[in-house]
Amino acid sequence: MSYYWRGGLLPHANLECDSHSGSVEVRLTAQTGGEFTVSTFEGSVRNEFGPSKLVHARELKGRELQCALPGDQDARIIIRNYKGPMLLLKQ
């Protein structure tokens, strides 16, 4: 199963997605501020918001990416995907 989100987020919103092998695409407006936490075991990440290098996860055997988005929404975006591709894109 694939997941797709496009738009902004309300202040203090949480967007959370779990997938096993489907693709996940998140397109956020430039005004969206908050923090990304992305984790994967074998998947790939394309990130237009900040660092794109996955590092070894502290609590998992896989890898993770954390990235802060400037803005005042203070939203949290959490994506976990076992082996599917993840796209974090600017709208």
N, C-alpha and C. Protein backbone atom coordinates (compact mmCIF):
# COMPACT_ATOMS: atom_id res chain seq x y z
N MET A 1 0.83 -1.16 0.00
CA MET A 1 0.00 0.00 0.00
C MET A 1 0.89 1.24 0.00
N SER A 2 0.53 2.24 -0.78
CA SER A 2 1.25 3.50 -0.85
C SER A 2 0.47 4.59 -0.12
N TYR A 3 1.20 5.57 0.40
CA TYR A 3 0.61 6.69 1.10
C TYR A 3 1.02 7.99 0.44
N TYR A 4 0.11 8.97 0.41
CA TYR A 4 0.38 10.25 -0.22
C TYR A 4 -0.25 11.36 0.62
N TRP A 5 0.52 12.39 0.96
CA TRP A 5 0.00 13.56 1.67
C TRP A 5 0.48 14.80 0.94
N ARG A 6 -0.43 15.75 0.71
CA ARG A 6 -0.07 16.99 0.03
C ARG A 6 -0.77 18.15 0.73
N GLY A 7 -0.02 19.17 1.10
CA GLY A 7 -0.61 20.35 1.72
C GLY A 7 0.18 20.80 2.93
N GLY A 8 -0.47 21.57 3.76
CA GLY A 8 0.16 22.05 4.98
C GLY A 8 -0.36 21.27 6.17
N LEU A 9 0.10 21.64 7.33
CA LEU A 9 -0.36 21.02 8.58
C LEU A 9 -0.76 22.12 9.55
N LEU A 10 -1.73 21.86 10.38
CA LEU A 10 -2.15 22.79 11.40
C LEU A 10 -1.09 22.88 12.49
N PRO A 11 -1.09 23.97 13.26
CA PRO A 11 -0.13 24.07 14.37
C PRO A 11 -0.22 22.87 15.31
N HIS A 12 0.90 22.36 15.71
CA HIS A 12 1.05 21.24 16.64
C HIS A 12 0.44 19.94 16.12
N ALA A 13 0.26 19.82 14.81
CA ALA A 13 -0.30 18.60 14.22
C ALA A 13 0.71 17.47 14.23
N ASN A 14 0.22 16.25 14.22
CA ASN A 14 1.05 15.06 14.07
C ASN A 14 0.61 14.33 12.82
N LEU A 15 1.56 14.00 11.97
CA LEU A 15 1.32 13.20 10.78
C LEU A 15 2.20 11.96 10.92
N GLU A 16 1.58 10.80 11.01
CA GLU A 16 2.32 9.57 11.24
C GLU A 16 1.92 8.54 10.20
N CYS A 17 2.92 7.82 9.67
CA CYS A 17 2.66 6.84 8.62
C CYS A 17 3.56 5.63 8.83
N ASP A 18 2.96 4.45 8.73
CA ASP A 18 3.69 3.18 8.80
C ASP A 18 3.40 2.39 7.53
N SER A 19 4.44 1.86 6.91
CA SER A 19 4.28 1.06 5.70
C SER A 19 5.34 -0.04 5.70
N HIS A 20 5.02 -1.14 5.06
CA HIS A 20 6.01 -2.22 4.96
C HIS A 20 6.86 -2.08 3.71
N SER A 21 6.23 -2.01 2.54
CA SER A 21 7.02 -1.92 1.31
C SER A 21 6.42 -0.94 0.30
N GLY A 22 5.34 -0.27 0.64
CA GLY A 22 4.75 0.70 -0.26
C GLY A 22 5.53 2.01 -0.24
N SER A 23 5.28 2.85 -1.22
CA SER A 23 5.94 4.14 -1.25
C SER A 23 5.17 5.13 -0.37
N VAL A 24 5.90 6.10 0.17
CA VAL A 24 5.32 7.16 0.98
C VAL A 24 5.80 8.48 0.38
N GLU A 25 4.85 9.34 0.00
CA GLU A 25 5.19 10.65 -0.55
C GLU A 25 4.49 11.72 0.28
N VAL A 26 5.29 12.64 0.83
CA VAL A 26 4.76 13.74 1.62
C VAL A 26 5.22 15.04 0.94
N ARG A 27 4.26 15.84 0.48
CA ARG A 27 4.53 17.15 -0.13
C ARG A 27 3.95 18.23 0.78
N LEU A 28 4.85 19.04 1.35
CA LEU A 28 4.42 20.07 2.30
C LEU A 28 4.64 21.46 1.73
N THR A 29 3.76 22.38 2.12
CA THR A 29 3.91 23.77 1.71
C THR A 29 5.13 24.37 2.40
N ALA A 30 5.63 25.46 1.82
CA ALA A 30 6.83 26.11 2.36
C ALA A 30 6.61 26.66 3.76
N GLN A 31 5.36 26.94 4.13
CA GLN A 31 5.06 27.52 5.44
C GLN A 31 5.03 26.48 6.55
N THR A 32 5.01 25.22 6.23
CA THR A 32 4.92 24.17 7.24
C THR A 32 6.23 24.09 8.02
N GLY A 33 6.13 24.18 9.33
CA GLY A 33 7.30 24.07 10.19
C GLY A 33 7.13 22.91 11.14
N GLY A 34 8.22 22.29 11.51
CA GLY A 34 8.14 21.17 12.43
C GLY A 34 9.36 20.27 12.32
N GLU A 35 9.16 19.02 12.64
CA GLU A 35 10.28 18.08 12.69
C GLU A 35 9.91 16.77 12.02
N PHE A 36 10.80 16.29 11.14
CA PHE A 36 10.67 14.98 10.51
C PHE A 36 11.46 13.96 11.31
N THR A 37 10.89 12.77 11.48
CA THR A 37 11.64 11.61 11.93
C THR A 37 11.26 10.48 10.99
N VAL A 38 12.23 9.98 10.25
CA VAL A 38 12.00 8.96 9.23
C VAL A 38 12.90 7.77 9.57
N SER A 39 12.31 6.57 9.55
CA SER A 39 13.12 5.38 9.82
C SER A 39 12.80 4.30 8.79
N THR A 40 13.83 3.52 8.47
CA THR A 40 13.70 2.47 7.48
C THR A 40 14.70 1.36 7.77
N PHE A 41 14.39 0.18 7.29
CA PHE A 41 15.35 -0.92 7.39
C PHE A 41 16.15 -1.03 6.10
N GLU A 42 15.46 -1.03 4.95
CA GLU A 42 16.13 -1.16 3.65
C GLU A 42 15.72 -0.09 2.65
N GLY A 43 14.78 0.78 2.99
CA GLY A 43 14.22 1.72 2.03
C GLY A 43 15.13 2.90 1.73
N SER A 44 14.72 3.69 0.74
CA SER A 44 15.45 4.88 0.35
C SER A 44 14.65 6.12 0.74
N VAL A 45 15.36 7.26 0.86
CA VAL A 45 14.71 8.52 1.22
C VAL A 45 15.22 9.61 0.28
N ARG A 46 14.28 10.35 -0.28
CA ARG A 46 14.61 11.57 -1.01
C ARG A 46 14.03 12.71 -0.19
N ASN A 47 14.89 13.61 0.29
CA ASN A 47 14.48 14.66 1.21
C ASN A 47 14.88 16.02 0.64
N GLU A 48 13.89 16.87 0.36
CA GLU A 48 14.16 18.21 -0.16
C GLU A 48 14.21 19.27 0.94
N PHE A 49 14.08 18.88 2.20
CA PHE A 49 13.99 19.84 3.29
C PHE A 49 15.27 20.00 4.09
N GLY A 50 16.17 19.08 4.02
CA GLY A 50 17.37 19.17 4.84
C GLY A 50 18.31 18.02 4.53
N PRO A 51 19.02 17.56 5.55
CA PRO A 51 19.99 16.48 5.31
C PRO A 51 19.30 15.24 4.77
N SER A 52 19.94 14.60 3.81
CA SER A 52 19.33 13.41 3.21
C SER A 52 20.09 12.15 3.57
N LYS A 53 21.10 12.26 4.39
CA LYS A 53 21.88 11.09 4.76
C LYS A 53 21.22 10.36 5.93
N LEU A 54 20.95 9.08 5.71
CA LEU A 54 20.42 8.24 6.78
C LEU A 54 21.56 7.78 7.67
N VAL A 55 21.33 7.79 8.97
CA VAL A 55 22.33 7.32 9.92
C VAL A 55 21.79 6.09 10.64
N HIS A 56 22.66 5.32 11.24
CA HIS A 56 22.22 4.13 11.97
C HIS A 56 21.29 4.55 13.12
N ALA A 57 20.16 3.90 13.19
CA ALA A 57 19.17 4.21 14.22
C ALA A 57 19.66 3.76 15.59
N ARG A 58 19.31 4.53 16.57
CA ARG A 58 19.74 4.18 17.94
C ARG A 58 18.95 2.99 18.47
N GLU A 59 17.67 2.93 18.16
CA GLU A 59 16.83 1.89 18.74
C GLU A 59 16.48 0.78 17.76
N LEU A 60 16.86 0.92 16.51
CA LEU A 60 16.51 -0.06 15.49
C LEU A 60 17.76 -0.60 14.83
N LYS A 61 17.61 -1.68 14.08
CA LYS A 61 18.73 -2.19 13.31
C LYS A 61 18.88 -1.45 11.99
N GLY A 62 17.90 -0.65 11.63
CA GLY A 62 17.90 0.06 10.37
C GLY A 62 18.58 1.42 10.45
N ARG A 63 18.04 2.35 9.69
CA ARG A 63 18.61 3.70 9.62
C ARG A 63 17.50 4.72 9.85
N GLU A 64 17.90 5.93 10.23
CA GLU A 64 16.92 6.98 10.46
C GLU A 64 17.45 8.32 9.97
N LEU A 65 16.50 9.23 9.78
CA LEU A 65 16.80 10.59 9.36
C LEU A 65 15.96 11.52 10.22
N GLN A 66 16.58 12.56 10.75
CA GLN A 66 15.84 13.57 11.48
C GLN A 66 16.16 14.92 10.85
N CYS A 67 15.12 15.74 10.70
CA CYS A 67 15.27 17.00 10.00
C CYS A 67 14.28 18.00 10.58
N ALA A 68 14.72 19.22 10.85
CA ALA A 68 13.83 20.26 11.35
C ALA A 68 13.45 21.18 10.21
N LEU A 69 12.17 21.58 10.18
CA LEU A 69 11.66 22.52 9.18
C LEU A 69 11.43 23.86 9.86
N PRO A 70 11.97 24.96 9.31
CA PRO A 70 11.73 26.26 9.93
C PRO A 70 10.25 26.64 9.82
N GLY A 71 9.74 27.32 10.80
CA GLY A 71 8.34 27.73 10.80
C GLY A 71 7.78 27.66 12.20
N ASP A 72 6.55 28.11 12.37
CA ASP A 72 5.98 28.18 13.70
C ASP A 72 4.86 27.17 13.95
N GLN A 73 4.65 26.22 13.06
CA GLN A 73 3.58 25.24 13.27
C GLN A 73 3.94 24.20 14.32
N ASP A 74 5.20 23.90 14.49
CA ASP A 74 5.66 22.91 15.46
C ASP A 74 5.00 21.55 15.22
N ALA A 75 4.87 21.18 13.96
CA ALA A 75 4.27 19.90 13.60
C ALA A 75 5.30 18.78 13.73
N ARG A 76 4.81 17.55 13.87
CA ARG A 76 5.68 16.37 13.91
C ARG A 76 5.26 15.43 12.80
N ILE A 77 6.22 15.03 11.98
CA ILE A 77 5.99 14.10 10.89
C ILE A 77 6.85 12.87 11.17
N ILE A 78 6.20 11.73 11.35
CA ILE A 78 6.90 10.49 11.67
C ILE A 78 6.55 9.47 10.59
N ILE A 79 7.57 8.95 9.92
CA ILE A 79 7.36 7.97 8.86
C ILE A 79 8.25 6.77 9.13
N ARG A 80 7.63 5.60 9.13
CA ARG A 80 8.36 4.34 9.28
C ARG A 80 8.00 3.47 8.08
N ASN A 81 9.02 2.99 7.39
CA ASN A 81 8.81 2.17 6.21
C ASN A 81 9.90 1.11 6.18
N TYR A 82 9.51 -0.13 6.10
CA TYR A 82 10.49 -1.22 6.16
C TYR A 82 11.43 -1.20 4.95
N LYS A 83 10.86 -1.23 3.73
CA LYS A 83 11.76 -1.26 2.57
C LYS A 83 11.28 -0.45 1.37
N GLY A 84 10.21 0.28 1.50
CA GLY A 84 9.72 1.09 0.38
C GLY A 84 10.39 2.45 0.32
N PRO A 85 10.28 3.15 -0.83
CA PRO A 85 10.86 4.48 -0.98
C PRO A 85 10.02 5.53 -0.26
N MET A 86 10.70 6.57 0.25
CA MET A 86 10.03 7.68 0.92
C MET A 86 10.47 8.97 0.25
N LEU A 87 9.50 9.82 -0.09
CA LEU A 87 9.77 11.10 -0.74
C LEU A 87 9.26 12.21 0.16
N LEU A 88 10.13 13.12 0.58
CA LEU A 88 9.77 14.27 1.39
C LEU A 88 10.02 15.49 0.52
N LEU A 89 8.96 16.06 -0.04
CA LEU A 89 9.09 17.04 -1.10
C LEU A 89 8.46 18.37 -0.74
N LYS A 90 9.01 19.45 -1.32
CA LYS A 90 8.43 20.78 -1.19
C LYS A 90 7.33 20.93 -2.24
N GLN A 91 6.24 21.53 -1.84
CA GLN A 91 5.13 21.75 -2.77
C GLN A 91 5.32 23.07 -3.48
